[in-house]
Protein backbone atom coordinates (compact mmCIF):
# COMPACT_ATOMS: atom_id res chain seq x y z
CA MET A 1 7.02 -12.18 -84.60
CA PRO A 2 7.91 -15.35 -82.37
CA LEU A 3 11.11 -16.65 -82.59
CA LYS A 4 10.65 -19.67 -84.27
CA VAL A 5 13.15 -22.33 -83.19
CA ILE A 6 13.39 -27.00 -84.60
CA ILE A 7 14.66 -28.70 -82.19
CA THR A 8 16.02 -32.26 -82.40
CA GLY A 9 16.40 -34.48 -79.60
CA ALA A 10 13.04 -32.81 -78.03
CA ASN A 11 11.73 -35.58 -75.99
CA SER A 12 14.28 -35.87 -73.12
CA GLY A 13 17.64 -34.41 -71.62
CA ILE A 14 18.96 -31.11 -73.09
CA GLY A 15 16.46 -31.25 -75.80
CA LYS A 16 13.35 -31.08 -73.54
CA ALA A 17 14.93 -28.27 -71.28
CA LEU A 18 15.99 -26.20 -74.59
CA ALA A 19 12.02 -26.82 -75.66
CA ILE A 20 10.76 -25.33 -72.29
CA GLU A 21 13.64 -22.00 -72.25
CA TYR A 22 12.45 -21.76 -75.52
CA ALA A 23 8.34 -22.11 -74.86
CA LYS A 24 8.63 -19.27 -71.72
CA GLN A 25 10.04 -16.51 -74.48
CA GLY A 26 6.58 -17.54 -76.58
CA ALA A 27 8.17 -19.20 -79.42
CA VAL A 28 6.93 -21.06 -82.00
CA LEU A 29 8.23 -24.64 -81.30
CA GLY A 30 9.00 -27.60 -84.02
CA LEU A 31 10.08 -30.54 -82.36
CA MET A 32 11.50 -33.60 -83.50
CA ALA A 33 12.39 -37.13 -81.84
CA ARG A 34 11.44 -41.01 -82.58
CA ASN A 35 9.57 -40.89 -79.41
CA GLN A 36 6.49 -39.75 -80.27
CA ASP A 37 4.29 -40.44 -77.05
CA ALA A 38 7.28 -38.65 -75.08
CA LEU A 39 6.75 -35.48 -77.46
CA LYS A 40 3.37 -35.37 -77.17
CA ILE A 41 3.35 -35.41 -72.73
CA ILE A 42 6.03 -32.41 -73.72
CA GLN A 43 3.77 -30.75 -75.84
CA ASP A 44 0.78 -30.67 -73.84
CA LYS A 45 2.55 -29.13 -71.12
CA LEU A 46 3.94 -26.28 -72.87
CA PRO A 47 3.13 -23.14 -72.45
CA CYS A 48 3.42 -22.23 -76.61
CA GLU A 49 2.56 -23.52 -79.78
CA ALA A 50 4.27 -26.82 -80.58
CA LEU A 51 4.76 -29.17 -83.56
CA ILE A 52 5.69 -32.33 -82.86
CA TYR A 53 7.42 -35.12 -85.87
CA SER A 54 9.08 -38.35 -84.90
CA VAL A 55 11.51 -38.36 -86.89
CA ASP A 56 14.96 -40.31 -86.50
CA VAL A 57 17.78 -38.56 -87.64
CA THR A 58 19.54 -40.95 -89.98
CA ASP A 59 16.50 -41.02 -91.86
CA LEU A 60 17.10 -38.12 -94.40
CA ALA A 61 13.91 -38.28 -95.66
CA GLN A 62 11.51 -37.72 -92.46
CA CYS A 63 14.33 -35.04 -91.83
CA ARG A 64 13.15 -33.28 -95.08
CA TRP A 65 8.88 -34.26 -94.11
CA ALA A 66 9.58 -32.82 -91.08
CA ALA A 67 11.52 -29.18 -92.17
CA GLU A 68 8.65 -28.53 -95.36
CA ALA A 69 5.43 -29.94 -93.04
CA PHE A 70 6.52 -26.81 -90.23
CA MET A 71 7.45 -24.69 -92.70
CA ALA A 72 4.39 -25.50 -94.61
CA GLN A 73 2.47 -23.74 -91.13
CA HIS A 74 5.31 -21.90 -89.97
CA GLY A 75 6.94 -20.84 -92.65
CA THR A 76 11.53 -20.77 -92.50
CA PRO A 77 12.65 -21.23 -88.51
CA ASP A 78 14.91 -18.42 -87.21
CA ILE A 79 16.69 -21.43 -85.18
CA VAL A 80 17.75 -25.29 -85.87
CA ILE A 81 19.06 -27.05 -83.31
CA ALA A 82 20.66 -30.22 -83.81
CA ASN A 83 20.32 -32.05 -80.54
CA ALA A 84 19.72 -35.83 -81.13
CA GLY A 85 22.53 -38.17 -79.83
CA ILE A 86 23.22 -41.26 -78.83
CA SER A 87 26.24 -43.09 -76.14
CA SER A 88 27.37 -46.01 -75.30
CA GLY A 89 30.53 -47.57 -74.71
CA THR A 90 32.08 -49.13 -77.56
CA MET A 91 35.12 -51.35 -77.92
CA THR A 92 36.52 -52.22 -81.63
CA GLU A 93 37.98 -55.62 -80.52
CA ASN A 94 33.77 -56.84 -80.21
CA PHE A 95 31.86 -57.68 -83.83
CA SER A 96 28.58 -56.51 -81.82
CA ASP A 97 29.98 -52.71 -81.23
CA LEU A 98 30.87 -51.94 -84.69
CA ASP A 99 27.29 -51.62 -85.76
CA ILE A 100 27.09 -49.59 -82.38
CA PHE A 101 30.16 -47.83 -84.34
CA LYS A 102 27.63 -47.15 -87.14
CA LYS A 103 24.58 -46.09 -85.10
CA ILE A 104 26.58 -43.68 -83.04
CA ILE A 105 28.35 -41.77 -85.84
CA ALA A 106 24.99 -41.63 -87.83
CA THR A 107 23.19 -40.34 -84.93
CA ASN A 108 25.39 -37.64 -83.48
CA LEU A 109 26.87 -36.97 -87.15
CA VAL A 110 25.65 -37.01 -90.04
CA GLY A 111 21.75 -37.02 -88.07
CA ALA A 112 23.00 -32.78 -88.11
CA ALA A 113 23.44 -32.65 -91.47
CA HIS A 114 20.33 -34.32 -92.03
CA ILE A 115 18.23 -31.57 -90.13
CA PHE A 116 20.36 -28.96 -90.88
CA HIS A 117 20.28 -29.33 -95.19
CA PRO A 118 16.16 -28.73 -96.04
CA PHE A 119 16.64 -25.12 -94.49
CA ILE A 120 19.87 -24.09 -95.15
CA LYS A 121 18.62 -22.70 -98.91
CA PRO A 122 15.22 -20.92 -96.98
CA PHE A 123 17.78 -19.12 -94.50
CA LYS A 124 19.47 -17.81 -97.78
CA ALA A 125 16.80 -17.42 -99.65
CA ARG A 126 15.75 -15.02 -96.66
CA GLY A 127 18.99 -13.52 -95.69
CA PHE A 128 19.47 -14.67 -92.11
CA GLY A 129 19.42 -17.96 -90.19
CA GLN A 130 21.21 -19.93 -87.02
CA LEU A 131 21.96 -23.32 -86.95
CA VAL A 132 23.77 -24.55 -83.48
CA GLY A 133 24.78 -28.07 -83.27
CA VAL A 134 25.01 -30.07 -79.59
CA SER A 135 28.66 -31.57 -78.84
CA SER A 136 30.74 -32.87 -76.21
CA VAL A 137 33.41 -32.37 -74.42
CA ALA A 138 34.26 -35.62 -74.95
CA GLY A 139 34.87 -35.05 -78.74
CA ILE A 140 38.18 -32.59 -77.34
CA ARG A 141 40.12 -35.68 -77.78
CA GLY A 142 39.60 -39.56 -77.26
CA LEU A 143 38.67 -41.00 -74.87
CA PRO A 144 39.28 -44.87 -74.17
CA GLY A 145 36.43 -46.77 -74.55
CA ALA A 146 34.33 -44.17 -75.92
CA GLY A 147 36.20 -44.75 -79.48
CA ALA A 148 32.52 -43.84 -81.11
CA TYR A 149 31.27 -41.48 -79.09
CA SER A 150 34.33 -39.12 -79.00
CA ALA A 151 35.27 -39.54 -82.35
CA SER A 152 31.62 -38.73 -83.48
CA LYS A 153 31.67 -35.34 -81.12
CA SER A 154 35.40 -34.45 -82.15
CA ALA A 155 33.58 -34.75 -86.29
CA LEU A 156 30.45 -32.60 -85.22
CA THR A 157 32.70 -30.11 -83.78
CA ASN A 158 35.01 -29.87 -87.20
CA TYR A 159 32.21 -29.87 -89.56
CA LEU A 160 30.01 -27.24 -87.05
CA GLU A 161 33.03 -25.00 -88.09
CA SER A 162 33.15 -25.82 -91.12
CA LEU A 163 29.80 -24.70 -91.69
CA ARG A 164 30.32 -21.69 -89.76
CA ILE A 165 32.81 -20.45 -92.49
CA GLU A 166 30.71 -21.98 -95.43
CA LEU A 167 27.95 -20.05 -94.21
CA ALA A 168 29.26 -16.87 -92.55
CA SER A 169 28.72 -14.82 -96.29
CA ASP A 170 24.90 -15.88 -96.29
CA ASN A 171 24.62 -14.15 -92.87
CA ILE A 172 23.67 -17.66 -91.52
CA HIS A 173 25.15 -18.28 -87.97
CA VAL A 174 26.44 -21.29 -86.74
CA THR A 175 26.94 -21.98 -82.66
CA THR A 176 28.60 -25.02 -81.49
CA ILE A 177 27.74 -26.35 -77.93
CA ALA A 178 29.85 -29.08 -76.12
CA PRO A 179 28.37 -29.37 -72.82
CA GLY A 180 29.96 -31.39 -69.77
CA TYR A 181 27.94 -33.43 -67.87
CA ILE A 182 24.70 -32.36 -67.32
CA LYS A 183 21.96 -34.35 -65.26
CA SER A 184 19.92 -35.90 -68.33
CA PRO A 185 18.66 -39.96 -68.77
CA MET A 186 22.22 -40.07 -70.94
CA THR A 187 23.99 -39.33 -67.85
CA ASP A 188 21.49 -41.16 -65.64
CA ALA A 189 23.35 -44.08 -67.09
CA ASN A 190 27.08 -43.50 -65.68
CA ASP A 191 27.98 -45.15 -62.75
CA PHE A 192 31.04 -43.24 -61.78
CA THR A 193 31.39 -39.49 -60.17
CA MET A 194 30.45 -36.65 -62.61
CA PRO A 195 32.66 -33.38 -61.65
CA PHE A 196 30.94 -30.21 -61.70
CA LEU A 197 27.53 -32.06 -63.45
CA MET A 198 24.84 -29.47 -64.14
CA PRO A 199 21.06 -29.64 -63.83
CA VAL A 200 19.57 -29.89 -67.97
CA ASP A 201 16.98 -26.83 -66.56
CA ARG A 202 20.75 -24.59 -66.08
CA ALA A 203 22.22 -25.55 -68.28
CA ALA A 204 19.69 -24.81 -71.16
CA GLN A 205 18.83 -21.38 -69.97
CA VAL A 206 23.07 -21.00 -70.11
CA MET A 207 22.91 -22.24 -73.84
CA VAL A 208 19.68 -20.17 -74.92
CA LYS A 209 21.60 -17.44 -73.87
CA ALA A 210 25.12 -18.34 -75.84
CA ILE A 211 22.32 -19.16 -79.13
CA LYS A 212 20.84 -15.02 -78.86
CA ASN A 213 24.52 -14.27 -78.72
CA LYS A 214 25.53 -15.89 -81.62
CA LYS A 215 28.48 -16.94 -79.90
CA ARG A 216 30.56 -19.34 -82.13
CA PHE A 217 31.46 -21.85 -79.35
CA LEU A 218 29.92 -22.47 -75.32
CA ILE A 219 31.44 -25.91 -73.49
CA VAL A 220 29.06 -25.55 -70.18
CA PRO A 221 29.29 -25.72 -67.17
CA TRP A 222 31.85 -22.84 -67.48
CA GLN A 223 34.57 -25.43 -64.85
CA MET A 224 34.44 -27.56 -68.28
CA ASN A 225 35.57 -24.62 -69.83
CA LEU A 226 38.72 -24.38 -68.32
CA ILE A 227 39.56 -28.68 -68.28
CA GLY A 228 38.54 -28.77 -71.90
CA ARG A 229 41.27 -25.98 -72.45
CA ILE A 230 43.73 -27.96 -70.80
CA MET A 231 42.30 -31.05 -72.47
CA HIS A 232 43.54 -29.42 -75.23
CA VAL A 233 46.82 -28.61 -74.62
CA LEU A 234 48.28 -31.19 -72.57
CA PRO A 235 51.36 -33.20 -74.06
CA ILE A 236 50.61 -36.88 -75.13
CA PHE A 237 52.40 -38.24 -71.74
CA ALA A 238 49.99 -36.85 -69.50
CA TRP A 239 47.08 -37.23 -71.31
CA ASP A 240 47.85 -41.21 -71.70
CA TRP A 241 48.15 -41.36 -67.57
CA LEU A 242 45.24 -39.28 -67.04
CA ALA A 243 42.71 -41.15 -69.69
CA LYS A 244 44.17 -44.70 -68.66
CA LYS A 245 42.40 -43.76 -65.16
CA ALA A 246 39.38 -42.15 -66.53
CA PRO A 247 35.64 -44.30 -65.81
CA ARG A 248 34.32 -46.21 -68.99
CA LYS A 249 31.06 -45.33 -70.60
CA LYS A 250 28.64 -48.28 -70.26
CA ARG A 251 28.08 -50.01 -73.19
CA LEU A 252 24.56 -49.63 -74.07
CA PRO A 253 22.23 -50.80 -76.34
CA VAL A 254 21.02 -47.94 -78.75
């Protein structure tokens, strides 16, 4: 039986690369994103069966509809990957940025819960399944000028850890992936040097292997794993000194 995989944010970047990687394995894919036209282009190029759904993950009703539509045709999937995410620099002092805060957290955090929700009971009924969340190294500690993005990814990492413990007794595995800098439309918007920038296709290969091995937590590329560990344990004075010198995210439309 072919692997059945759901991927959100599948129209570009990491989501698209994951779709391509799973397609090479002959998986049946359920691809979701807001951009229907981009999904159709990807669908036409994949050498496997791929169903596409125009979905905004901030809308629970849309997520439930897409999940039910996929399961009506192919049954319960094996893997659900919550990859959809948006990013922008934010400053709390700017009134207009408060709506951006809401959108980023609604997409990056609540959107993951929205897409996981319809599949958990079917996973339990079948006796197994795997949920994967794409977080970020930016969630390890708060970054100046990126409060909304850092907070959303930190919250997502902790949510996934909570979910992992909740569902372990049901044979449902939860994997957290925390990318560093991966070549994608999201990082293309950055105008600063990005250490250890990794090609997205190579990143997808590493992620798929980690998912197959049911790893609890993965930082990619490997160099960022060391940096992430250092970030986590740095004393406050050292972190403050480094963070003040860090480049700021651009304020972008979301």
